[in-house]
Amino acid sequence: QVQLVESGGGLVQAGESLRLSCAVSGSDFSLNRGGWYRQAPGKQREFVAVILDTGAIMYADSVKGRFTISKDNAKNTMYLQMNSLKPEDTAVYYCAARGVWGQGTQVTVSS
C-alpha cells in the first residue's frame, strides 16, 4: 500500500524558515508530480503549490516569493521550502500525489 509521509513541521517564529518533505512509502509509485495543501483551524483545506511532471510549478498568491516547491526524482521525495514565515501560515500541511494524501504535518508560526 502506497503512503505519503510528511516531515519537517514544527514551531517557529515569524520570519524564520522550515523545509517540509514528502516521501513515498511503498513501491511502484513515482512521485513525478504532486502538490502541497494546508488547512488552518476552522478553515477549509487550501492549495499551496504544485509541481508537474513537465517541471511546471504553480503557487497560491499568498505564498508566492516565499515558498518553493521542488522534487528529487532519485529519492522519490517532494519538498516545500518555506521562508519568511508568517503567523497566517500556521496550518497542517499535506502533500498529495496521484490521489494519495499524506497524514499531514503541523506548522505553527508565532508572532
Foldseek 3Di string as FASTA:
>chain_A
DKAWAKDWADEEAAQAKIKMKIAIDDPDDFPLKKFKWWDDPPGDIGGAKIAHNVRDIDGDPVQPPFWDWDDDRVRSMIMIIGGRDDQVVFTWMWMDDPHHIHPTDTHGYHD
